[in-house]
Every structure is written in structure tokens, then in C-alpha cells.
Amino acid sequence: QEQLVESGGGLVQPGGSLRLICAASGMIFSRRTWGWYRQGLGKQRELIAYVGNIPSYVDSFVKGLFVISSDNAKNMLYLEMSDLKPEDTGVYSCNTAPDCGIQWGQGTQVTVSS
């Protein structure tokens, strides 16, 4: 059974950092392109970064601040986030990109607030 489990979120002050982790199971991780998605309050879910069988991508508004990486041996996806801002608040989820072909996990909440 395919499953995605995200972790690493939390409450952080502006300017802080977090490392998000996505653990995938029940699938061949290395054959896909993986992405991190963010859904802010009252907003649609958006793809902000992806990595995999095509050149990696990070959305321009977080470029240089967010770094996406993966470990195919461990079936893990990571998102290193630095210099966080209140507008980065939201639920972060992982999935294949851009098709979102896996059932969504619960996501991990990131709240940036002083």
C-alpha cells in the first residue's frame, strides 16, 4: 500500500529554520519526481519545489531559502527551509510532481509567528 508520512513542521519565529521530512512506502521511490506542496489558510495547494528524474526546481519566491533533496535508498524526501516568513505558514505535503499521483498524507503544519 502506497503511503506518505510528513513530519518536521512546527511553530517557528520569523527568520527561523525547519527541516521537513517525507517518508514514502509501498512504491518505487526512485522512479518518480517528487515535490513539496504548500497550502496556506484559505488558499489552494501549490507546488513549491520538486526533485527527481528531471532537473530540480524551487519556486522563485523561496529560491535560495528552501532546498529540496531526496534519499532514494531511504525513500525519503526533505525540504530545508531557512529565513522563514509569516507568509510561509501552511500545511506542507509531499507527493509526486506534478501529477500528485499518490493519496495525500496528513501533511505537516508550519507556523511562522513571533
C-alpha atoms as a PDB file:
ATOM      1  CA  GLN A   1       0.000   0.000   0.000  1.00  0.00           C
ATOM      2  CA  GLU A   2       1.389   3.368  -1.006  1.00  0.00           C
ATOM      3  CA  GLN A   3       1.744   5.758   1.887  1.00  0.00           C
ATOM      4  CA  LEU A   4       3.224   9.203   2.529  1.00  0.00           C
ATOM      5  CA  VAL A   5       4.042  10.484   6.006  1.00  0.00           C
ATOM      6  CA  GLU A   6       5.262  14.040   6.531  1.00  0.00           C
ATOM      7  CA  SER A   7       6.946  15.377   9.653  1.00  0.00           C
ATOM      8  CA  GLY A   8       9.198  18.143  10.897  1.00  0.00           C
ATOM      9  CA  GLY A   9       6.800  21.057  10.997  1.00  0.00           C
ATOM     10  CA  GLY A  10       6.130  23.246  13.980  1.00  0.00           C
ATOM     11  CA  LEU A  11       5.987  26.769  15.328  1.00  0.00           C
ATOM     12  CA  VAL A  12       8.992  28.898  14.479  1.00  0.00           C
ATOM     13  CA  GLN A  13       9.786  32.579  14.757  1.00  0.00           C
ATOM     14  CA  PRO A  14      10.372  34.694  11.657  1.00  0.00           C
ATOM     15  CA  GLY A  15      13.889  34.138  10.405  1.00  0.00           C
ATOM     16  CA  GLY A  16      13.963  30.611  11.779  1.00  0.00           C
ATOM     17  CA  SER A  17      14.583  27.313  10.029  1.00  0.00           C
ATOM     18  CA  LEU A  18      12.907  23.936   9.737  1.00  0.00           C
ATOM     19  CA  ARG A  19      13.624  20.645   8.053  1.00  0.00           C
ATOM     20  CA  LEU A  20      10.647  18.779   6.708  1.00  0.00           C
ATOM     21  CA  ILE A  21      10.749  15.063   6.054  1.00  0.00           C
ATOM     22  CA  CYS A  22       8.562  12.905   3.849  1.00  0.00           C
ATOM     23  CA  ALA A  23       8.715   9.141   4.269  1.00  0.00           C
ATOM     24  CA  ALA A  24       7.322   7.156   1.343  1.00  0.00           C
ATOM     25  CA  SER A  25       6.459   3.478   1.457  1.00  0.00           C
ATOM     26  CA  GLY A  26       4.863   0.911  -0.778  1.00  0.00           C
ATOM     27  CA  MET A  27       6.314   2.250  -4.016  1.00  0.00           C
ATOM     28  CA  ILE A  28       9.486   2.510  -6.087  1.00  0.00           C
ATOM     29  CA  PHE A  29      10.599   5.924  -4.906  1.00  0.00           C
ATOM     30  CA  SER A  30      13.491   6.450  -7.304  1.00  0.00           C
ATOM     31  CA  ARG A  31      11.412   6.197 -10.472  1.00  0.00           C
ATOM     32  CA  ARG A  32       9.361   9.278  -9.780  1.00  0.00           C
ATOM     33  CA  THR A  33       9.695  13.015  -9.487  1.00  0.00           C
ATOM     34  CA  TRP A  34       8.752  14.214  -6.013  1.00  0.00           C
ATOM     35  CA  GLY A  35       7.532  17.545  -4.832  1.00  0.00           C
ATOM     36  CA  TRP A  36       6.691  19.559  -1.768  1.00  0.00           C
ATOM     37  CA  TYR A  37       3.350  21.304  -1.784  1.00  0.00           C
ATOM     38  CA  ARG A  38       2.115  24.067   0.472  1.00  0.00           C
ATOM     39  CA  GLN A  39      -1.420  25.076   1.340  1.00  0.00           C
ATOM     40  CA  GLY A  40      -1.857  28.324   3.179  1.00  0.00           C
ATOM     41  CA  LEU A  41      -5.035  29.165   5.101  1.00  0.00           C
ATOM     42  CA  GLY A  42      -7.791  29.807   2.608  1.00  0.00           C
ATOM     43  CA  LYS A  43      -5.504  29.151  -0.327  1.00  0.00           C
ATOM     44  CA  GLN A  44      -5.112  26.398  -2.858  1.00  0.00           C
ATOM     45  CA  ARG A  45      -2.383  23.852  -2.529  1.00  0.00           C
ATOM     46  CA  GLU A  46       0.638  24.835  -4.611  1.00  0.00           C
ATOM     47  CA  LEU A  47       3.754  23.036  -5.746  1.00  0.00           C
ATOM     48  CA  ILE A  48       6.798  24.863  -4.428  1.00  0.00           C
ATOM     49  CA  ALA A  49       9.687  22.528  -5.223  1.00  0.00           C
ATOM     50  CA  TYR A  50      10.410  19.216  -6.886  1.00  0.00           C
ATOM     51  CA  VAL A  51      13.291  16.828  -7.466  1.00  0.00           C
ATOM     52  CA  GLY A  52      13.682  13.568  -9.295  1.00  0.00           C
ATOM     53  CA  ASN A  53      14.182  12.382 -12.821  1.00  0.00           C
ATOM     54  CA  ILE A  54      14.172  15.917 -14.192  1.00  0.00           C
ATOM     55  CA  PRO A  55      16.212  18.959 -13.110  1.00  0.00           C
ATOM     56  CA  SER A  56      15.161  20.046  -9.646  1.00  0.00           C
ATOM     57  CA  TYR A  57      13.067  23.157  -9.204  1.00  0.00           C
ATOM     58  CA  VAL A  58      12.351  25.570  -6.387  1.00  0.00           C
ATOM     59  CA  ASP A  59       9.756  28.280  -6.765  1.00  0.00           C
ATOM     60  CA  SER A  60      11.285  31.697  -7.332  1.00  0.00           C
ATOM     61  CA  PHE A  61       9.822  33.233  -4.181  1.00  0.00           C
ATOM     62  CA  VAL A  62      11.690  30.763  -1.977  1.00  0.00           C
ATOM     63  CA  LYS A  63      14.711  30.157  -4.154  1.00  0.00           C
ATOM     64  CA  GLY A  64      17.886  30.331  -2.133  1.00  0.00           C
ATOM     65  CA  LEU A  65      15.912  29.868   1.083  1.00  0.00           C
ATOM     66  CA  PHE A  66      14.362  26.427   0.548  1.00  0.00           C
ATOM     67  CA  VAL A  67      16.392  23.396  -0.553  1.00  0.00           C
ATOM     68  CA  ILE A  68      14.773  20.161  -1.701  1.00  0.00           C
ATOM     69  CA  SER A  69      16.598  16.853  -1.663  1.00  0.00           C
ATOM     70  CA  SER A  70      15.896  13.149  -1.621  1.00  0.00           C
ATOM     71  CA  ASP A  71      17.459   9.910  -0.469  1.00  0.00           C
ATOM     72  CA  ASN A  72      16.354   7.142  -2.793  1.00  0.00           C
ATOM     73  CA  ALA A  73      17.917   4.442  -0.629  1.00  0.00           C
ATOM     74  CA  LYS A  74      15.727   5.507   2.281  1.00  0.00           C
ATOM     75  CA  ASN A  75      12.642   6.524   0.282  1.00  0.00           C
ATOM     76  CA  MET A  76      12.804   9.950   1.890  1.00  0.00           C
ATOM     77  CA  LEU A  77      12.204  13.484   0.660  1.00  0.00           C
ATOM     78  CA  TYR A  78      13.428  16.555   2.503  1.00  0.00           C
ATOM     79  CA  LEU A  79      12.813  20.268   2.479  1.00  0.00           C
ATOM     80  CA  GLU A  80      15.293  22.501   4.264  1.00  0.00           C
ATOM     81  CA  MET A  81      13.678  25.869   4.922  1.00  0.00           C
ATOM     82  CA  SER A  82      15.540  28.899   6.156  1.00  0.00           C
ATOM     83  CA  ASP A  83      14.736  32.544   6.886  1.00  0.00           C
ATOM     84  CA  LEU A  84      11.092  31.642   7.279  1.00  0.00           C
ATOM     85  CA  LYS A  85       8.468  34.347   6.988  1.00  0.00           C
ATOM     86  CA  PRO A  86       4.867  34.526   8.211  1.00  0.00           C
ATOM     87  CA  GLU A  87       3.693  34.014   4.638  1.00  0.00           C
ATOM     88  CA  ASP A  88       5.391  30.606   4.662  1.00  0.00           C
ATOM     89  CA  THR A  89       2.767  29.415   7.144  1.00  0.00           C
ATOM     90  CA  GLY A  90       0.713  26.493   5.925  1.00  0.00           C
ATOM     91  CA  VAL A  91       0.371  22.750   5.663  1.00  0.00           C
ATOM     92  CA  TYR A  92       3.242  21.177   3.782  1.00  0.00           C
ATOM     93  CA  SER A  93       2.714  17.899   1.982  1.00  0.00           C
ATOM     94  CA  CYS A  94       4.702  15.717  -0.350  1.00  0.00           C
ATOM     95  CA  ASN A  95       3.545  13.886  -3.437  1.00  0.00           C
ATOM     96  CA  THR A  96       4.667  13.009  -6.909  1.00  0.00           C
ATOM     97  CA  ALA A  97       5.052  16.046  -9.136  1.00  0.00           C
ATOM     98  CA  PRO A  98       3.313  17.483 -10.909  1.00  0.00           C
ATOM     99  CA  ASP A  99       0.608  14.816 -11.088  1.00  0.00           C
ATOM    100  CA  CYS A 100       0.017  14.250  -7.327  1.00  0.00           C
ATOM    101  CA  GLY A 101      -0.479  10.579  -8.086  1.00  0.00           C
ATOM    102  CA  ILE A 102      -0.374   9.266  -4.523  1.00  0.00           C
ATOM    103  CA  GLN A 103      -3.058   9.542  -1.888  1.00  0.00           C
ATOM    104  CA  TRP A 104      -2.212  12.560   0.225  1.00  0.00           C
ATOM    105  CA  GLY A 105      -0.736  12.090   3.656  1.00  0.00           C
ATOM    106  CA  GLN A 106      -1.754  14.236   6.614  1.00  0.00           C
ATOM    107  CA  GLY A 107       0.857  16.888   5.868  1.00  0.00           C
ATOM    108  CA  THR A 108       2.839  18.788   8.456  1.00  0.00           C
ATOM    109  CA  GLN A 109       1.850  22.206   9.781  1.00  0.00           C
ATOM    110  CA  VAL A 110       4.379  25.014   9.639  1.00  0.00           C
ATOM    111  CA  THR A 111       3.525  28.168  11.539  1.00  0.00           C
ATOM    112  CA  VAL A 112       5.803  31.168  11.371  1.00  0.00           C
ATOM    113  CA  SER A 113       4.919  33.673  14.029  1.00  0.00           C
ATOM    114  CA  SER A 114       6.509  35.785  16.699  1.00  0.00           C
END
